[in-house]
PDB file of N, CA and C in Angstrom:
ATOM      1  N   UNK A   1      92.975 101.225  94.753  1.00  0.00           N
ATOM      2  CA  UNK A   1      93.372 102.324  93.828  1.00  0.00           C
ATOM      3  C   UNK A   1      92.459 103.539  93.877  1.00  0.00           C
ATOM      4  N   UNK A   2      91.331 103.693  94.151  1.00  0.00           N
ATOM      5  CA  UNK A   2      90.867 104.639  94.367  1.00  0.00           C
ATOM      6  C   UNK A   2      91.132 106.025  95.196  1.00  0.00           C
ATOM      7  N   UNK A   3      91.846 105.931  96.505  1.00  0.00           N
ATOM      8  CA  UNK A   3      92.442 106.760  97.177  1.00  0.00           C
ATOM      9  C   UNK A   3      93.771 107.315  96.422  1.00  0.00           C
ATOM     10  N   UNK A   4      94.737 106.425  95.628  1.00  0.00           N
ATOM     11  CA  UNK A   4      95.819 106.733  94.709  1.00  0.00           C
ATOM     12  C   UNK A   4      95.440 107.833  93.839  1.00  0.00           C
ATOM     13  N   UNK A   5      94.222 107.258  92.711  1.00  0.00           N
ATOM     14  CA  UNK A   5      93.779 108.402  91.987  1.00  0.00           C
ATOM     15  C   UNK A   5      93.146 109.695  92.338  1.00  0.00           C
ATOM     16  N   UNK A   6      92.554 109.504  93.530  1.00  0.00           N
ATOM     17  CA  UNK A   6      91.808 110.723  94.219  1.00  0.00           C
ATOM     18  C   UNK A   6      93.242 111.561  94.837  1.00  0.00           C
ATOM     19  N   UNK A   7      94.113 111.351  95.516  1.00  0.00           N
ATOM     20  CA  UNK A   7      95.233 111.919  95.942  1.00  0.00           C
ATOM     21  C   UNK A   7      96.076 112.735  94.383  1.00  0.00           C
ATOM     22  N   UNK A   8      96.188 111.776  93.776  1.00  0.00           N
ATOM     23  CA  UNK A   8      96.768 112.470  92.442  1.00  0.00           C
ATOM     24  C   UNK A   8      95.910 113.748  91.650  1.00  0.00           C
ATOM     25  N   UNK A   9      94.676 113.418  91.717  1.00  0.00           N
ATOM     26  CA  UNK A   9      93.828 114.461  91.392  1.00  0.00           C
ATOM     27  C   UNK A   9      93.876 115.665  92.109  1.00  0.00           C
ATOM     28  N   UNK A  10      93.972 115.507  93.273  1.00  0.00           N
ATOM     29  CA  UNK A  10      93.863 116.675  94.487  1.00  0.00           C
ATOM     30  C   UNK A  10      95.353 117.021  94.153  1.00  0.00           C
ATOM     31  N   UNK A  11      96.408 116.574  93.931  1.00  0.00           N
ATOM     32  CA  UNK A  11      98.133 116.951  93.834  1.00  0.00           C
ATOM     33  C   UNK A  11      97.714 117.799  92.749  1.00  0.00           C
ATOM     34  N   UNK A  12      97.173 117.458  91.541  1.00  0.00           N
ATOM     35  CA  UNK A  12      97.224 118.299  90.327  1.00  0.00           C
ATOM     36  C   UNK A  12      96.542 119.177  90.361  1.00  0.00           C
ATOM     37  N   UNK A  13      95.227 119.598  91.217  1.00  0.00           N
ATOM     38  CA  UNK A  13      94.572 120.671  91.146  1.00  0.00           C
ATOM     39  C   UNK A  13      95.250 121.604  92.010  1.00  0.00           C
ATOM     40  N   UNK A  14      96.254 121.187  93.098  1.00  0.00           N
ATOM     41  CA  UNK A  14      96.962 122.127  93.914  1.00  0.00           C
ATOM     42  C   UNK A  14      97.925 122.705  92.919  1.00  0.00           C
ATOM     43  N   UNK A  15      98.772 122.021  91.866  1.00  0.00           N
ATOM     44  CA  UNK A  15      99.386 122.509  91.244  1.00  0.00           C
ATOM     45  C   UNK A  15      98.541 123.474  90.125  1.00  0.00           C
ATOM     46  N   UNK A  16      97.558 123.063  89.943  1.00  0.00           N
ATOM     47  CA  UNK A  16      96.927 124.314  89.169  1.00  0.00           C
ATOM     48  C   UNK A  16      96.329 125.404  89.677  1.00  0.00           C
ATOM     49  N   UNK A  17      96.307 125.498  91.074  1.00  0.00           N
ATOM     50  CA  UNK A  17      95.753 126.578  91.906  1.00  0.00           C
ATOM     51  C   UNK A  17      96.746 127.492  92.080  1.00  0.00           C
ATOM     52  N   UNK A  18      97.922 126.853  92.210  1.00  0.00           N
ATOM     53  CA  UNK A  18      98.945 127.764  92.509  1.00  0.00           C
ATOM     54  C   UNK A  18      99.542 128.267  91.112  1.00  0.00           C
ATOM     55  N   UNK A  19      99.370 127.741  90.060  1.00  0.00           N
ATOM     56  CA  UNK A  19      99.602 128.238  88.431  1.00  0.00           C
ATOM     57  C   UNK A  19      98.875 129.342  88.397  1.00  0.00           C
ATOM     58  N   UNK A  20      97.545 129.174  88.601  1.00  0.00           N
ATOM     59  CA  UNK A  20      96.428 130.254  88.510  1.00  0.00           C
ATOM     60  C   UNK A  20      96.654 131.373  89.443  1.00  0.00           C
ATOM     61  N   UNK A  21      97.192 131.319  90.590  1.00  0.00           N
ATOM     62  CA  UNK A  21      97.371 132.343  91.390  1.00  0.00           C
ATOM     63  C   UNK A  21      98.608 133.224  91.145  1.00  0.00           C
ATOM     64  N   UNK A  22      99.623 132.702  90.079  1.00  0.00           N
ATOM     65  CA  UNK A  22     100.840 133.202  89.865  1.00  0.00           C
ATOM     66  C   UNK A  22     100.559 133.763  88.413  1.00  0.00           C
ATOM     67  N   UNK A  23      99.443 133.666  87.722  1.00  0.00           N
ATOM     68  CA  UNK A  23      98.660 134.307  86.711  1.00  0.00           C
ATOM     69  C   UNK A  23      98.083 135.212  87.090  1.00  0.00           C
ATOM     70  N   UNK A  24      97.475 135.362  88.274  1.00  0.00           N
ATOM     71  CA  UNK A  24      96.431 136.329  88.890  1.00  0.00           C
ATOM     72  C   UNK A  24      95.065 135.957  88.415  1.00  0.00           C
ATOM     73  N   UNK A  25      94.891 134.907  88.030  1.00  0.00           N
ATOM     74  CA  UNK A  25      93.433 134.348  88.147  1.00  0.00           C
ATOM     75  C   UNK A  25      93.005 133.664  89.374  1.00  0.00           C
ATOM     76  N   UNK A  26      92.090 134.778  89.994  1.00  0.00           N
ATOM     77  CA  UNK A  26      92.019 134.594  91.661  1.00  0.00           C
ATOM     78  C   UNK A  26      90.508 133.517  91.320  1.00  0.00           C
ATOM     79  N   UNK A  27      89.797 133.604  90.666  1.00  0.00           N
ATOM     80  CA  UNK A  27      88.605 132.981  90.770  1.00  0.00           C
ATOM     81  C   UNK A  27      88.595 131.361  90.152  1.00  0.00           C
ATOM     82  N   UNK A  28      89.439 131.353  89.270  1.00  0.00           N
ATOM     83  CA  UNK A  28      89.840 129.800  88.655  1.00  0.00           C
ATOM     84  C   UNK A  28      90.836 129.213  90.089  1.00  0.00           C
ATOM     85  N   UNK A  29      91.883 130.017  90.837  1.00  0.00           N
ATOM     86  CA  UNK A  29      92.258 129.477  91.813  1.00  0.00           C
ATOM     87  C   UNK A  29      91.511 129.313  92.782  1.00  0.00           C
ATOM     88  N   UNK A  30      90.564 130.181  93.079  1.00  0.00           N
ATOM     89  CA  UNK A  30      89.765 129.879  94.384  1.00  0.00           C
ATOM     90  C   UNK A  30      88.812 128.449  94.003  1.00  0.00           C
ATOM     91  N   UNK A  31      88.376 128.253  93.060  1.00  0.00           N
ATOM     92  CA  UNK A  31      87.447 126.979  92.644  1.00  0.00           C
ATOM     93  C   UNK A  31      88.460 125.770  92.425  1.00  0.00           C
ATOM     94  N   UNK A  32      89.605 125.961  91.981  1.00  0.00           N
ATOM     95  CA  UNK A  32      90.448 124.586  91.820  1.00  0.00           C
ATOM     96  C   UNK A  32      90.791 124.344  93.419  1.00  0.00           C
ATOM     97  N   UNK A  33      91.242 125.473  94.295  1.00  0.00           N
ATOM     98  CA  UNK A  33      91.596 125.238  95.587  1.00  0.00           C
ATOM     99  C   UNK A  33      90.333 124.459  96.320  1.00  0.00           C
ATOM    100  N   UNK A  34      89.192 124.898  96.061  1.00  0.00           N
ATOM    101  CA  UNK A  34      87.999 124.127  96.959  1.00  0.00           C
ATOM    102  C   UNK A  34      88.032 122.636  96.480  1.00  0.00           C
ATOM    103  N   UNK A  35      88.007 122.353  94.987  1.00  0.00           N
ATOM    104  CA  UNK A  35      88.154 121.183  94.674  1.00  0.00           C
ATOM    105  C   UNK A  35      89.459 120.315  95.321  1.00  0.00           C
ATOM    106  N   UNK A  36      90.370 120.779  95.162  1.00  0.00           N
ATOM    107  CA  UNK A  36      91.660 120.454  95.807  1.00  0.00           C
ATOM    108  C   UNK A  36      91.297 120.077  97.120  1.00  0.00           C
ATOM    109  N   UNK A  37      90.726 120.426  97.947  1.00  0.00           N
ATOM    110  CA  UNK A  37      90.650 120.203  99.276  1.00  0.00           C
ATOM    111  C   UNK A  37      89.842 118.732  99.285  1.00  0.00           C
ATOM    112  N   UNK A  38      88.758 119.063  98.364  1.00  0.00           N
ATOM    113  CA  UNK A  38      87.781 117.602  98.595  1.00  0.00           C
ATOM    114  C   UNK A  38      88.814 116.324  98.326  1.00  0.00           C
ATOM    115  N   UNK A  39      89.170 116.491  96.880  1.00  0.00           N
ATOM    116  CA  UNK A  39      89.870 115.516  96.607  1.00  0.00           C
ATOM    117  C   UNK A  39      91.504 115.054  97.206  1.00  0.00           C
ATOM    118  N   UNK A  40      91.560 116.031  98.061  1.00  0.00           N
ATOM    119  CA  UNK A  40      92.804 115.345  99.078  1.00  0.00           C
ATOM    120  C   UNK A  40      92.440 115.036 100.346  1.00  0.00           C
ATOM    121  N   UNK A  41      91.174 115.320 100.762  1.00  0.00           N
ATOM    122  CA  UNK A  41      90.297 114.805 102.065  1.00  0.00           C
ATOM    123  C   UNK A  41      90.019 113.305 101.495  1.00  0.00           C
ATOM    124  N   UNK A  42      89.524 113.015 100.463  1.00  0.00           N
ATOM    125  CA  UNK A  42      88.794 111.826 100.376  1.00  0.00           C
ATOM    126  C   UNK A  42      89.603 110.425 100.512  1.00  0.00           C
ATOM    127  N   UNK A  43      90.914 110.388  99.967  1.00  0.00           N
ATOM    128  CA  UNK A  43      91.568 109.364 100.286  1.00  0.00           C
ATOM    129  C   UNK A  43      91.825 109.459 101.616  1.00  0.00           C
ATOM    130  N   UNK A  44      92.051 110.531 102.475  1.00  0.00           N
ATOM    131  CA  UNK A  44      92.556 110.338 103.918  1.00  0.00           C
ATOM    132  C   UNK A  44      91.187 109.686 104.835  1.00  0.00           C
ATOM    133  N   UNK A  45      90.087 110.035 104.200  1.00  0.00           N
ATOM    134  CA  UNK A  45      88.795 109.511 104.563  1.00  0.00           C
ATOM    135  C   UNK A  45      88.921 107.832 104.546  1.00  0.00           C
ATOM    136  N   UNK A  46      88.784 107.545 103.142  1.00  0.00           N
ATOM    137  CA  UNK A  46      89.032 105.977 102.745  1.00  0.00           C
ATOM    138  C   UNK A  46      89.778 105.404 103.565  1.00  0.00           C
ATOM    139  N   UNK A  47      91.043 105.698 103.587  1.00  0.00           N
ATOM    140  CA  UNK A  47      91.979 105.041 104.021  1.00  0.00           C
ATOM    141  C   UNK A  47      92.159 104.773 105.457  1.00  0.00           C
ATOM    142  N   UNK A  48      91.556 105.933 106.332  1.00  0.00           N
ATOM    143  CA  UNK A  48      91.475 105.936 107.597  1.00  0.00           C
ATOM    144  C   UNK A  48      90.226 104.785 107.899  1.00  0.00           C
ATOM    145  N   UNK A  49      89.202 104.988 107.042  1.00  0.00           N
ATOM    146  CA  UNK A  49      88.156 104.339 107.603  1.00  0.00           C
ATOM    147  C   UNK A  49      88.511 102.763 107.435  1.00  0.00           C
ATOM    148  N   UNK A  50      89.168 102.638 106.067  1.00  0.00           N
ATOM    149  CA  UNK A  50      89.446 101.224 106.038  1.00  0.00           C
ATOM    150  C   UNK A  50      90.469 100.585 107.068  1.00  0.00           C
ATOM    151  N   UNK A  51      91.358 101.263 107.110  1.00  0.00           N
ATOM    152  CA  UNK A  51      92.557 100.773 108.191  1.00  0.00           C
ATOM    153  C   UNK A  51      92.174 100.919 110.130  1.00  0.00           C
ATOM    154  N   UNK A  52      90.879 101.686 110.272  1.00  0.00           N
ATOM    155  CA  UNK A  52      90.510 101.797 111.325  1.00  0.00           C
ATOM    156  C   UNK A  52      91.450 102.904 111.962  1.00  0.00           C
ATOM    157  N   UNK A  53      91.968 104.050 111.498  1.00  0.00           N
ATOM    158  CA  UNK A  53      92.609 105.079 112.092  1.00  0.00           C
ATOM    159  C   UNK A  53      91.779 106.027 112.565  1.00  0.00           C
ATOM    160  N   UNK A  54      90.505 105.997 112.496  1.00  0.00           N
ATOM    161  CA  UNK A  54      90.057 107.114 113.247  1.00  0.00           C
ATOM    162  C   UNK A  54      88.937 106.313 114.626  1.00  0.00           C
ATOM    163  N   UNK A  55      89.187 105.281 114.507  1.00  0.00           N
ATOM    164  CA  UNK A  55      88.530 104.322 115.926  1.00  0.00           C
ATOM    165  C   UNK A  55      86.627 104.661 115.861  1.00  0.00           C
ATOM    166  N   UNK A  56      86.203 104.724 114.579  1.00  0.00           N
ATOM    167  CA  UNK A  56      84.860 104.696 114.379  1.00  0.00           C
ATOM    168  C   UNK A  56      84.127 103.448 114.986  1.00  0.00           C
ATOM    169  N   UNK A  57      83.319 103.556 115.784  1.00  0.00           N
ATOM    170  CA  UNK A  57      82.644 102.288 116.590  1.00  0.00           C
ATOM    171  C   UNK A  57      81.815 101.543 115.392  1.00  0.00           C
ATOM    172  N   UNK A  58      82.090 100.140 115.207  1.00  0.00           N
ATOM    173  CA  UNK A  58      81.463  99.421 114.504  1.00  0.00           C
ATOM    174  C   UNK A  58      79.868  99.217 114.723  1.00  0.00           C
ATOM    175  N   UNK A  59      79.298  98.894 115.453  1.00  0.00           N
ATOM    176  CA  UNK A  59      78.055  98.672 115.860  1.00  0.00           C
ATOM    177  C   UNK A  59      77.447  97.640 114.776  1.00  0.00           C
ATOM    178  N   UNK A  60      75.970  97.195 115.066  1.00  0.00           N
ATOM    179  CA  UNK A  60      75.674  96.222 114.303  1.00  0.00           C
ATOM    180  C   UNK A  60      74.462  96.445 113.546  1.00  0.00           C
ATOM    181  N   UNK A  61      74.143  98.144 113.343  1.00  0.00           N
ATOM    182  CA  UNK A  61      73.017  98.601 112.756  1.00  0.00           C
ATOM    183  C   UNK A  61      73.177  97.965 111.142  1.00  0.00           C
ATOM    184  N   UNK A  62      72.217  97.771 110.551  1.00  0.00           N
ATOM    185  CA  UNK A  62      72.150  97.619 108.924  1.00  0.00           C
ATOM    186  C   UNK A  62      72.951  98.563 108.101  1.00  0.00           C
ATOM    187  N   UNK A  63      72.780 100.088 108.636  1.00  0.00           N
ATOM    188  CA  UNK A  63      73.630 101.070 108.010  1.00  0.00           C
ATOM    189  C   UNK A  63      74.936 100.985 108.204  1.00  0.00           C
ATOM    190  N   UNK A  64      75.198 100.613 109.446  1.00  0.00           N
ATOM    191  CA  UNK A  64      76.728 100.805 109.739  1.00  0.00           C
ATOM    192  C   UNK A  64      77.146  99.489 108.858  1.00  0.00           C
ATOM    193  N   UNK A  65      76.472  98.287 108.698  1.00  0.00           N
ATOM    194  CA  UNK A  65      77.192  96.990 108.032  1.00  0.00           C
ATOM    195  C   UNK A  65      77.557  97.706 106.658  1.00  0.00           C
ATOM    196  N   UNK A  66      76.276  98.344 106.059  1.00  0.00           N
ATOM    197  CA  UNK A  66      76.386  98.552 104.764  1.00  0.00           C
ATOM    198  C   UNK A  66      77.484  99.716 104.598  1.00  0.00           C
ATOM    199  N   UNK A  67      77.909 100.404 105.421  1.00  0.00           N
ATOM    200  CA  UNK A  67      79.005 101.717 105.572  1.00  0.00           C
ATOM    201  C   UNK A  67      80.292 100.803 105.249  1.00  0.00           C
ATOM    202  N   UNK A  68      80.423  99.945 106.237  1.00  0.00           N
ATOM    203  CA  UNK A  68      81.614  99.253 106.140  1.00  0.00           C
ATOM    204  C   UNK A  68      81.801  98.280 104.882  1.00  0.00           C
ATOM    205  N   UNK A  69      80.996  97.472 104.303  1.00  0.00           N
ATOM    206  CA  UNK A  69      80.746  97.127 102.863  1.00  0.00           C
ATOM    207  C   UNK A  69      81.377  97.979 101.960  1.00  0.00           C
ATOM    208  N   UNK A  70      80.802  99.004 101.828  1.00  0.00           N
ATOM    209  CA  UNK A  70      81.039 100.107 100.831  1.00  0.00           C
ATOM    210  C   UNK A  70      82.179 100.784 100.830  1.00  0.00           C
ATOM    211  N   UNK A  71      82.709 100.752 102.088  1.00  0.00           N
ATOM    212  CA  UNK A  71      84.317 101.378 102.410  1.00  0.00           C
ATOM    213  C   UNK A  71      85.209 100.255 101.838  1.00  0.00           C
ATOM    214  N   UNK A  72      84.939  98.738 102.321  1.00  0.00           N
ATOM    215  CA  UNK A  72      85.762  97.676 101.940  1.00  0.00           C
ATOM    216  C   UNK A  72      85.994  97.675 100.651  1.00  0.00           C
ATOM    217  N   UNK A  73      84.421  97.641  99.772  1.00  0.00           N
ATOM    218  CA  UNK A  73      84.344  97.498  98.138  1.00  0.00           C
ATOM    219  C   UNK A  73      85.362  98.664  97.658  1.00  0.00           C
ATOM    220  N   UNK A  74      85.370  99.878  98.310  1.00  0.00           N
ATOM    221  CA  UNK A  74      85.875 100.965  97.753  1.00  0.00           C
ATOM    222  C   UNK A  74      87.400 100.730  97.581  1.00  0.00           C
ATOM    223  N   UNK A  75      88.181 100.300  98.865  1.00  0.00           N
ATOM    224  CA  UNK A  75      89.451 100.097  98.853  1.00  0.00           C
ATOM    225  C   UNK A  75      89.918  98.701  99.002  1.00  0.00           C
ATOM    226  N   UNK A  76      89.225  97.804  99.051  1.00  0.00           N
ATOM    227  CA  UNK A  76      89.834  96.566  99.091  1.00  0.00           C
ATOM    228  C   UNK A  76      89.963  95.783  97.559  1.00  0.00           C
ATOM    229  N   UNK A  77      90.232  94.592  97.413  1.00  0.00           N
ATOM    230  CA  UNK A  77      90.582  93.908  96.074  1.00  0.00           C
ATOM    231  C   UNK A  77      89.158  94.147  95.127  1.00  0.00           C
ATOM    232  N   UNK A  78      89.306  93.857  93.896  1.00  0.00           N
ATOM    233  CA  UNK A  78      88.316  94.048  93.205  1.00  0.00           C
ATOM    234  C   UNK A  78      87.456  92.912  93.100  1.00  0.00           C
ATOM    235  N   UNK A  79      87.960  91.612  93.658  1.00  0.00           N
ATOM    236  CA  UNK A  79      87.566  90.522  93.720  1.00  0.00           C
ATOM    237  C   UNK A  79      86.024  90.459  94.837  1.00  0.00           C
ATOM    238  N   UNK A  80      85.800  91.453  95.459  1.00  0.00           N
ATOM    239  CA  UNK A  80      84.651  91.743  96.959  1.00  0.00           C
ATOM    240  C   UNK A  80      83.369  91.364  96.202  1.00  0.00           C
ATOM    241  N   UNK A  81      82.616  90.521  97.299  1.00  0.00           N
ATOM    242  CA  UNK A  81      81.443  90.215  96.691  1.00  0.00           C
ATOM    243  C   UNK A  81      80.470  91.661  96.476  1.00  0.00           C
ATOM    244  N   UNK A  82      79.643  91.669  95.661  1.00  0.00           N
ATOM    245  CA  UNK A  82      78.489  92.923  95.414  1.00  0.00           C
ATOM    246  C   UNK A  82      77.643  92.974  96.390  1.00  0.00           C
ATOM    247  N   UNK A  83      77.032  94.057  96.707  1.00  0.00           N
ATOM    248  CA  UNK A  83      76.244  94.594  98.071  1.00  0.00           C
ATOM    249  C   UNK A  83      74.860  93.830  97.599  1.00  0.00           C
ATOM    250  N   UNK A  84      73.823  93.258  98.305  1.00  0.00           N
ATOM    251  CA  UNK A  84      72.943  92.618  98.250  1.00  0.00           C
ATOM    252  C   UNK A  84      71.896  93.217  99.220  1.00  0.00           C
ATOM    253  N   UNK A  85      70.910  93.871  98.711  1.00  0.00           N
ATOM    254  CA  UNK A  85      69.792  94.262  99.793  1.00  0.00           C
ATOM    255  C   UNK A  85      68.836  93.428  99.765  1.00  0.00           C
ATOM    256  N   UNK A  86      67.943  93.191 100.911  1.00  0.00           N
ATOM    257  CA  UNK A  86      67.100  92.664 101.012  1.00  0.00           C
ATOM    258  C   UNK A  86      65.861  93.248 101.913  1.00  0.00           C
ATOM    259  N   UNK A  87      64.369  92.902 101.156  1.00  0.00           N
ATOM    260  CA  UNK A  87      63.265  93.814 102.035  1.00  0.00           C
ATOM    261  C   UNK A  87      62.656  92.640 102.938  1.00  0.00           C
ATOM    262  N   UNK A  88      62.517  93.001 104.348  1.00  0.00           N
ATOM    263  CA  UNK A  88      61.669  91.988 104.921  1.00  0.00           C
ATOM    264  C   UNK A  88      60.562  92.039 104.919  1.00  0.00           C
ATOM    265  N   UNK A  89      59.820  90.876 104.581  1.00  0.00           N
ATOM    266  CA  UNK A  89      58.384  90.594 104.493  1.00  0.00           C
ATOM    267  C   UNK A  89      57.559  89.954 105.474  1.00  0.00           C
ATOM    268  N   UNK A  90      56.304  90.309 105.767  1.00  0.00           N
ATOM    269  CA  UNK A  90      55.623  89.628 106.646  1.00  0.00           C
ATOM    270  C   UNK A  90      55.561  88.003 106.667  1.00  0.00           C
ATOM    271  N   UNK A  91      55.469  87.444 107.890  1.00  0.00           N
ATOM    272  CA  UNK A  91      55.840  85.882 107.678  1.00  0.00           C
ATOM    273  C   UNK A  91      54.536  85.079 106.441  1.00  0.00           C
ATOM    274  N   UNK A  92      55.445  84.359 105.877  1.00  0.00           N
ATOM    275  CA  UNK A  92      54.399  83.589 105.106  1.00  0.00           C
ATOM    276  C   UNK A  92      54.756  84.205 103.277  1.00  0.00           C
ATOM    277  N   UNK A  93      55.070  85.253 103.265  1.00  0.00           N
ATOM    278  CA  UNK A  93      55.214  86.021 102.149  1.00  0.00           C
ATOM    279  C   UNK A  93      56.497  85.607 101.218  1.00  0.00           C
ATOM    280  N   UNK A  94      56.702  85.412 100.128  1.00  0.00           N
ATOM    281  CA  UNK A  94      58.141  85.469  99.495  1.00  0.00           C
ATOM    282  C   UNK A  94      58.713  86.531  99.555  1.00  0.00           C
ATOM    283  N   UNK A  95      59.898  86.466  99.832  1.00  0.00           N
ATOM    284  CA  UNK A  95      60.884  87.402  99.792  1.00  0.00           C
ATOM    285  C   UNK A  95      61.409  87.750  98.365  1.00  0.00           C
ATOM    286  N   UNK A  96      61.638  89.103  98.114  1.00  0.00           N
ATOM    287  CA  UNK A  96      62.390  89.324  96.878  1.00  0.00           C
ATOM    288  C   UNK A  96      63.590  90.174  97.149  1.00  0.00           C
ATOM    289  N   UNK A  97      64.510  89.866  96.355  1.00  0.00           N
ATOM    290  CA  UNK A  97      65.742  90.792  96.628  1.00  0.00           C
ATOM    291  C   UNK A  97      65.563  92.085  95.210  1.00  0.00           C
ATOM    292  N   UNK A  98      66.158  93.297  96.102  1.00  0.00           N
ATOM    293  CA  UNK A  98      65.882  94.289  95.134  1.00  0.00           C
ATOM    294  C   UNK A  98      66.991  94.337  94.043  1.00  0.00           C
TER     295      UNK A  98
END
């Protein structure tokens, strides 16, 4: 649902940009155009990463795993499990989750 809302926001900003240009308010049109570019590229990135359109290599690093989990959480069903980070501790120490 996040990509749909972001795309609708970008489309509304494009309409506002054209409207401001027709009225001659170029500063407003420029700022709205910049934000429209962001809101239109965000759904492309989220959908592309979720559906592997860009063929980003997976890797087994913790950063890559967290990034994949966050993309899945942003684009997947609402029942996805929350992210849980744990800190590594020396042997014999009790571990805490953050």
